[in-house]
C-alpha atoms as a PDB file:
ATOM      1  CA  MET A   1       0.000   0.000   0.000  1.00  0.00           C
ATOM      2  CA  ILE A   2       1.292   3.399  -0.902  1.00  0.00           C
ATOM      3  CA  GLY A   3       1.989   5.500   2.160  1.00  0.00           C
ATOM      4  CA  LEU A   4       1.890   2.775   4.789  1.00  0.00           C
ATOM      5  CA  ARG A   5       5.667   2.673   5.256  1.00  0.00           C
ATOM      6  CA  GLU A   6       5.817   6.458   5.408  1.00  0.00           C
ATOM      7  CA  ILE A   7       2.977   6.720   7.939  1.00  0.00           C
ATOM      8  CA  ARG A   8       4.684   4.115  10.103  1.00  0.00           C
ATOM      9  CA  GLN A   9       7.910   6.155  10.028  1.00  0.00           C
ATOM     10  CA  LEU A  10       5.927   9.268  10.977  1.00  0.00           C
ATOM     11  CA  LEU A  11       4.224   7.502  13.888  1.00  0.00           C
ATOM     12  CA  ASP A  12       7.575   6.126  15.065  1.00  0.00           C
ATOM     13  CA  GLY A  13       8.962   9.677  15.094  1.00  0.00           C
ATOM     14  CA  LYS A  14      11.567   8.913  12.432  1.00  0.00           C
ATOM     15  CA  ILE A  15      10.342  11.572   9.974  1.00  0.00           C
ATOM     16  CA  SER A  16       8.380  14.827  10.183  1.00  0.00           C
ATOM     17  CA  THR A  17       4.903  15.407   8.787  1.00  0.00           C
ATOM     18  CA  SER A  18       6.282  17.357   5.829  1.00  0.00           C
ATOM     19  CA  GLN A  19       8.816  14.592   5.108  1.00  0.00           C
ATOM     20  CA  CYS A  20       6.014  12.032   5.307  1.00  0.00           C
ATOM     21  CA  ILE A  21       3.868  13.949   2.831  1.00  0.00           C
ATOM     22  CA  ALA A  22       6.794  14.392   0.434  1.00  0.00           C
ATOM     23  CA  ALA A  23       7.693  10.692   0.672  1.00  0.00           C
ATOM     24  CA  ILE A  24       4.095   9.613  -0.015  1.00  0.00           C
ATOM     25  CA  GLN A  25       3.917  11.959  -3.007  1.00  0.00           C
ATOM     26  CA  GLN A  26       7.173  10.523  -4.373  1.00  0.00           C
ATOM     27  CA  ALA A  27       5.991   6.940  -3.836  1.00  0.00           C
ATOM     28  CA  THR A  28       2.745   7.771  -5.649  1.00  0.00           C
ATOM     29  CA  ARG A  29       4.629   9.221  -8.637  1.00  0.00           C
ATOM     30  CA  ARG A  30       6.872   6.156  -8.805  1.00  0.00           C
ATOM     31  CA  TYR A  31       3.877   3.825  -8.710  1.00  0.00           C
ATOM     32  CA  ALA A  32       2.132   5.785 -11.471  1.00  0.00           C
ATOM     33  CA  LYS A  33       5.285   5.597 -13.597  1.00  0.00           C
ATOM     34  CA  ARG A  34       5.448   1.806 -13.131  1.00  0.00           C
ATOM     35  CA  GLN A  35       1.793   1.546 -14.149  1.00  0.00           C
ATOM     36  CA  LEU A  36       2.392   3.555 -17.328  1.00  0.00           C
ATOM     37  CA  THR A  37       5.423   1.423 -18.170  1.00  0.00           C
ATOM     38  CA  TRP A  38       3.372  -1.742 -17.692  1.00  0.00           C
ATOM     39  CA  PHE A  39       0.508  -0.452 -19.868  1.00  0.00           C
ATOM     40  CA  ARG A  40       2.895   0.632 -22.642  1.00  0.00           C
ATOM     41  CA  ARG A  41       4.296  -2.897 -22.804  1.00  0.00           C
ATOM     42  CA  GLN A  42       0.867  -4.484 -23.179  1.00  0.00           C
ATOM     43  CA  THR A  43       0.295  -5.222 -26.841  1.00  0.00           C
ATOM     44  CA  ASN A  44      -3.278  -6.486 -26.600  1.00  0.00           C
ATOM     45  CA  PHE A  45      -4.863  -3.235 -25.411  1.00  0.00           C
ATOM     46  CA  GLU A  46      -5.925  -0.263 -27.453  1.00  0.00           C
ATOM     47  CA  GLN A  47      -4.888   3.055 -25.951  1.00  0.00           C
ATOM     48  CA  LEU A  48      -7.744   5.523 -25.881  1.00  0.00           C
ATOM     49  CA  ASN A  49      -7.583   9.252 -25.233  1.00  0.00           C
ATOM     50  CA  LEU A  50     -10.899  10.059 -23.602  1.00  0.00           C
ATOM     51  CA  SER A  51      -9.733  13.269 -21.938  1.00  0.00           C
ATOM     52  CA  LEU A  52     -12.086  15.368 -24.071  1.00  0.00           C
ATOM     53  CA  PHE A  53     -15.117  13.476 -22.764  1.00  0.00           C
ATOM     54  CA  SER A  54     -16.905  13.729 -19.443  1.00  0.00           C
ATOM     55  CA  HIS A  55     -16.966  10.524 -17.415  1.00  0.00           C
ATOM     56  CA  ASN A  56     -20.518   9.714 -18.544  1.00  0.00           C
ATOM     57  CA  GLU A  57     -19.709  10.442 -22.196  1.00  0.00           C
ATOM     58  CA  ALA A  58     -16.627   8.204 -22.066  1.00  0.00           C
ATOM     59  CA  VAL A  59     -18.601   5.317 -20.546  1.00  0.00           C
ATOM     60  CA  ARG A  60     -21.386   5.769 -23.113  1.00  0.00           C
ATOM     61  CA  TRP A  61     -18.836   5.830 -25.975  1.00  0.00           C
ATOM     62  CA  PHE A  62     -17.121   2.688 -24.689  1.00  0.00           C
ATOM     63  CA  LEU A  63     -20.391   0.771 -24.235  1.00  0.00           C
ATOM     64  CA  LEU A  64     -21.672   1.734 -27.685  1.00  0.00           C
ATOM     65  CA  ARG A  65     -18.384   0.664 -29.240  1.00  0.00           C
ATOM     66  CA  LYS A  66     -18.280  -2.587 -27.272  1.00  0.00           C
ATOM     67  CA  HIS A  67     -21.792  -3.563 -28.351  1.00  0.00           C
ATOM     68  CA  SER A  68     -21.125  -2.742 -32.011  1.00  0.00           C
ATOM     69  CA  GLU A  69     -18.153  -5.156 -32.300  1.00  0.00           C
ATOM     70  CA  PRO A  70     -18.652  -8.505 -34.030  1.00  0.00           C
ATOM     71  CA  ARG A  71     -19.485 -11.172 -31.450  1.00  0.00           C
ATOM     72  CA  GLY A  72     -16.310 -13.219 -31.925  1.00  0.00           C
ATOM     73  CA  LEU A  73     -13.953 -10.250 -31.609  1.00  0.00           C
ATOM     74  CA  SER A  74     -15.318  -8.581 -28.468  1.00  0.00           C
ATOM     75  CA  GLY A  75     -12.339  -9.664 -26.352  1.00  0.00           C
ATOM     76  CA  VAL A  76      -9.689  -8.677 -28.888  1.00  0.00           C
ATOM     77  CA  ARG A  77      -7.912  -5.370 -28.441  1.00  0.00           C
ATOM     78  CA  THR A  78      -5.213  -3.959 -30.661  1.00  0.00           C
ATOM     79  CA  LYS A  79      -2.785  -1.189 -29.926  1.00  0.00           C
ATOM     80  CA  GLY A  80      -3.647   1.806 -32.103  1.00  0.00           C
END
């Protein structure tokens, strides 16, 4: 869990509150970077940029697309 080690150090008096916050922020950035690296290496997923859509619009778009795929190919994703 992100932050658990840092909180434990804070509670043990080994680091200050500001050091704890900075360490949790750094751990979060590192975890996000590992996630992005993992996703980039996946070849069976299509990367989608849905940043221009609201959450509801993105879900609606995805569901409409999913239901319009041929039945046998619904589980297949290609990197675009």
